[in-house]
Amino acid sequence: TGLCDTLLIRTYNKLTLEIPRCRGFAGSLRPEGETAMTTAIAYNDNKFCELLVHVAYESAGDLNFGKTKLNKILYYIDFAAYRSLGAPVTGATYQRRPYGPVPKEIPTARAKLVAAGALGLEVTDRFGFRQERFVAIRRPDVSVFSAPEMQIIEDVLTELRDMNGKDVSDLSHQAVGWRVARDNEVIPYVSAFLDPNQDFTSDEIIRAQEIYAELQGAAA
């Protein structure tokens, strides 16, 4: 029962989806009235880079804006879009790290944007801790985002604006995808539908980790 044989996903609108635990799973998830979603997620480097610039640009006055908060903003934007629109904004790959989800594409994108003169990196002391923050040097090209995507981006920025790095890190630890994944494992986008208020037994979490590993191995 539970996650031991199949991964039952309780969506936020009280629909129930099921992921078979078979290897090579390539089925689609189609909530009633929603767009079909599959395990194939396409990464869009241009949108990811412009999202980095946009978040940095909009966070210029946020003294709590460091790399920890940035990573969580990106995570919530992509996973909220997947849940609401059927596809993430950027398709970045988010890995479980100690302080929460981190997109693995960020080092390459950062180097590219810094080299192009689009972003700068500022290192400051914040309450005795080293804070690394991106500084937007140019305005972002928001034309790459659809209107629904922009609405999600602005909603997430507004929701997290008053939080510091520890606040958003603690918040991300409540996400079932982060709780179920092992360190450095990919957090599946489908976990956006997992109810963060649902309690899982240790056996169920272990079984979910096995299922995720099978799905990731089949997709590799």
Protein backbone atom coordinates (compact mmCIF):
# COMPACT_ATOMS: atom_id res chain seq x y z
CA THR A 1 0.00 0.00 0.00
CA GLY A 2 1.02 3.68 -0.09
CA LEU A 3 4.33 4.13 -1.89
CA CYS A 4 5.45 0.55 -1.39
CA ASP A 5 4.06 -0.80 -4.69
CA THR A 6 3.01 2.34 -6.57
CA LEU A 7 3.70 6.01 -6.00
CA LEU A 8 0.33 7.57 -5.27
CA ILE A 9 0.36 11.29 -5.79
CA ARG A 10 -2.30 13.45 -4.18
CA THR A 11 -2.55 16.66 -6.17
CA TYR A 12 -3.31 20.04 -4.70
CA ASN A 13 -6.73 20.04 -6.38
CA LYS A 14 -7.51 16.67 -4.76
CA LEU A 15 -7.03 14.62 -7.93
CA THR A 16 -5.08 11.37 -7.66
CA LEU A 17 -2.38 10.33 -10.12
CA GLU A 18 -0.45 7.07 -10.18
CA ILE A 19 3.03 6.30 -11.46
CA PRO A 20 3.53 2.60 -12.21
CA ARG A 21 6.77 1.33 -10.72
CA CYS A 22 7.79 -0.56 -13.88
CA ARG A 23 11.14 0.16 -15.51
CA GLY A 24 11.07 2.25 -18.65
CA PHE A 25 7.98 4.15 -17.58
CA ALA A 26 7.02 6.48 -20.43
CA GLY A 27 3.39 7.12 -19.71
CA SER A 28 1.77 10.51 -19.40
CA LEU A 29 0.10 12.17 -16.46
CA ARG A 30 -3.12 13.87 -17.40
CA PRO A 31 -5.17 15.45 -14.60
CA GLU A 32 -8.74 15.97 -15.73
CA GLY A 33 -8.97 19.25 -17.62
CA GLU A 34 -5.20 19.73 -17.65
CA THR A 35 -2.46 19.48 -20.26
CA ALA A 36 -0.75 16.10 -20.63
CA MET A 37 2.61 15.85 -18.87
CA THR A 38 5.31 13.31 -19.61
CA THR A 39 8.63 12.41 -18.03
CA ALA A 40 10.49 14.07 -20.93
CA ILE A 41 11.50 17.59 -19.86
CA ALA A 42 13.32 19.82 -22.34
CA TYR A 43 15.87 22.25 -20.92
CA ASN A 44 15.78 25.75 -22.42
CA ASP A 45 19.12 27.45 -21.79
CA ASN A 46 17.99 30.84 -23.10
CA LYS A 47 14.99 30.96 -20.77
CA PHE A 48 17.07 29.75 -17.84
CA CYS A 49 19.66 32.48 -18.42
CA GLU A 50 17.03 35.19 -18.83
CA LEU A 51 15.26 33.97 -15.70
CA LEU A 52 18.53 34.31 -13.78
CA VAL A 53 18.92 37.88 -15.01
CA HIS A 54 15.28 38.68 -14.28
CA VAL A 55 15.38 37.32 -10.73
CA ALA A 56 18.63 39.18 -10.03
CA TYR A 57 17.19 42.37 -11.54
CA GLU A 58 14.00 42.17 -9.48
CA SER A 59 15.95 41.28 -6.32
CA ALA A 60 18.37 44.21 -6.48
CA GLY A 61 16.89 45.77 -3.35
CA ASP A 62 16.53 42.50 -1.43
CA LEU A 63 19.30 42.35 1.19
CA ASN A 64 18.52 38.67 1.78
CA PHE A 65 19.08 37.75 -1.87
CA GLY A 66 22.01 35.32 -2.06
CA LYS A 67 22.68 32.14 -3.98
CA THR A 68 20.63 30.01 -1.55
CA LYS A 69 17.55 32.15 -2.06
CA LEU A 70 18.17 32.34 -5.81
CA ASN A 71 18.26 28.56 -6.14
CA LYS A 72 14.98 28.20 -4.27
CA ILE A 73 13.26 30.92 -6.31
CA LEU A 74 14.22 29.10 -9.51
CA TYR A 75 13.01 25.79 -8.08
CA TYR A 76 9.63 27.15 -7.02
CA ILE A 77 9.11 28.89 -10.36
CA ASP A 78 9.80 25.77 -12.41
CA PHE A 79 7.85 23.40 -10.19
CA ALA A 80 4.89 25.78 -9.85
CA ALA A 81 4.79 26.10 -13.64
CA TYR A 82 4.91 22.34 -14.07
CA ARG A 83 2.04 21.92 -11.65
CA SER A 84 -0.08 24.72 -13.13
CA LEU A 85 0.85 24.78 -16.82
CA GLY A 86 1.98 21.20 -17.50
CA ALA A 87 5.59 22.24 -18.23
CA PRO A 88 8.34 24.04 -16.31
CA VAL A 89 9.54 27.47 -17.38
CA THR A 90 13.16 26.43 -17.97
CA GLY A 91 13.29 22.64 -17.66
CA ALA A 92 16.39 22.88 -15.44
CA THR A 93 17.42 19.79 -13.49
CA TYR A 94 17.13 20.26 -9.74
CA GLN A 95 19.23 18.17 -7.39
CA ARG A 96 18.78 17.55 -3.69
CA ARG A 97 21.42 19.47 -1.75
CA PRO A 98 21.72 20.09 2.01
CA TYR A 99 20.20 23.57 1.81
CA GLY A 100 17.48 22.60 -0.65
CA PRO A 101 17.07 22.08 -4.40
CA VAL A 102 19.81 23.43 -6.69
CA PRO A 103 19.67 23.55 -10.53
CA LYS A 104 22.70 21.73 -11.86
CA GLU A 105 22.88 24.07 -14.88
CA ILE A 106 23.57 27.16 -12.79
CA PRO A 107 27.41 27.10 -12.83
CA THR A 108 27.52 26.99 -16.63
CA ALA A 109 24.80 29.62 -17.02
CA ARG A 110 26.48 31.89 -14.47
CA ALA A 111 29.83 31.71 -16.25
CA LYS A 112 28.14 32.41 -19.58
CA LEU A 113 26.22 35.42 -18.28
CA VAL A 114 29.21 36.89 -16.44
CA ALA A 115 31.38 36.52 -19.55
CA ALA A 116 28.68 38.23 -21.63
CA GLY A 117 28.47 41.15 -19.19
CA ALA A 118 24.87 40.35 -18.24
CA LEU A 119 25.52 39.43 -14.61
CA GLY A 120 28.02 40.36 -11.94
CA LEU A 121 28.87 38.49 -8.76
CA GLU A 122 28.97 40.42 -5.48
CA VAL A 123 30.34 38.93 -2.26
CA THR A 124 29.25 40.55 1.01
CA ASP A 125 29.12 39.80 4.73
CA ARG A 126 25.61 39.14 5.99
CA PHE A 127 25.37 38.72 9.77
CA GLY A 128 28.82 37.15 9.84
CA PHE A 129 28.16 34.83 6.91
CA ARG A 130 29.54 35.04 3.39
CA GLN A 131 26.78 36.00 0.96
CA GLU A 132 27.21 35.59 -2.78
CA ARG A 133 24.64 37.44 -4.85
CA PHE A 134 24.06 37.92 -8.54
CA VAL A 135 23.79 41.50 -9.75
CA ALA A 136 22.00 42.17 -13.03
CA ILE A 137 24.05 44.42 -15.28
CA ARG A 138 21.45 44.59 -18.05
CA ARG A 139 17.68 44.35 -18.15
CA PRO A 140 16.27 40.86 -18.73
CA ASP A 141 14.57 39.90 -21.97
CA VAL A 142 11.20 38.87 -20.59
CA SER A 143 9.79 38.37 -24.10
CA VAL A 144 11.03 34.78 -23.91
CA PHE A 145 8.37 34.03 -21.28
CA SER A 146 4.66 33.58 -21.91
CA ALA A 147 2.11 35.62 -19.98
CA PRO A 148 1.19 32.67 -17.71
CA GLU A 149 4.87 32.02 -17.06
CA MET A 150 5.46 35.65 -16.15
CA GLN A 151 2.53 35.53 -13.74
CA ILE A 152 4.05 32.52 -11.96
CA ILE A 153 7.48 34.17 -11.87
CA GLU A 154 6.08 37.34 -10.30
CA ASP A 155 3.92 35.37 -7.86
CA VAL A 156 6.91 33.39 -6.60
CA LEU A 157 9.08 36.51 -6.29
CA THR A 158 6.34 38.22 -4.31
CA GLU A 159 5.72 35.20 -2.08
CA LEU A 160 9.39 34.79 -1.17
CA ARG A 161 10.40 38.44 -1.12
CA ASP A 162 10.41 38.85 2.67
CA MET A 163 12.17 35.54 3.36
CA ASN A 164 15.89 35.15 3.99
CA GLY A 165 18.07 32.28 2.83
CA LYS A 166 17.35 30.14 5.87
CA ASP A 167 13.60 30.72 5.55
CA VAL A 168 13.44 29.57 1.93
CA SER A 169 15.83 26.69 2.63
CA ASP A 170 13.63 25.46 5.49
CA LEU A 171 10.54 25.88 3.31
CA SER A 172 12.04 23.82 0.49
CA HIS A 173 12.79 21.01 2.96
CA GLN A 174 9.04 20.54 3.35
CA ALA A 175 8.65 19.57 -0.32
CA VAL A 176 8.11 15.83 -0.59
CA GLY A 177 10.40 15.64 -3.63
CA TRP A 178 13.32 16.95 -1.55
CA ARG A 179 12.41 14.72 1.40
CA VAL A 180 12.25 11.57 -0.73
CA ALA A 181 15.33 12.14 -2.90
CA ARG A 182 18.77 11.20 -1.66
CA ASP A 183 21.64 13.71 -1.58
CA ASN A 184 22.61 14.86 -5.09
CA GLU A 185 19.75 12.92 -6.70
CA VAL A 186 17.47 14.62 -9.19
CA ILE A 187 14.14 15.82 -7.80
CA PRO A 188 11.48 14.68 -10.33
CA TYR A 189 9.13 17.36 -11.61
CA VAL A 190 6.20 15.06 -10.97
CA SER A 191 6.84 15.54 -7.25
CA ALA A 192 5.23 18.97 -7.70
CA PHE A 193 1.95 17.11 -7.22
CA LEU A 194 2.90 15.50 -3.93
CA ASP A 195 1.02 16.86 -0.96
CA PRO A 196 3.62 18.41 1.41
CA ASN A 197 1.24 17.82 4.32
CA GLN A 198 1.09 14.08 3.72
CA ASP A 199 3.09 11.97 6.16
CA PHE A 200 5.10 9.04 4.84
CA THR A 201 6.57 6.15 6.78
CA SER A 202 10.29 5.47 6.54
CA ASP A 203 9.54 2.32 4.50
CA GLU A 204 7.45 4.34 2.05
CA ILE A 205 10.20 6.91 1.63
CA ILE A 206 12.76 4.18 0.98
CA ARG A 207 10.44 2.58 -1.59
CA ALA A 208 9.86 5.96 -3.24
CA GLN A 209 13.63 6.44 -3.48
CA GLU A 210 13.89 3.09 -5.22
CA ILE A 211 11.10 4.02 -7.66
CA TYR A 212 12.72 7.36 -8.43
CA ALA A 213 16.07 5.65 -9.03
CA GLU A 214 14.41 3.21 -11.43
CA LEU A 215 12.71 6.00 -13.38
CA GLN A 216 15.86 8.09 -13.55
CA GLY A 217 17.91 5.08 -14.66
CA ALA A 218 15.39 4.28 -17.39
CA ALA A 219 15.44 7.87 -18.63
CA ALA A 220 19.26 8.06 -18.72
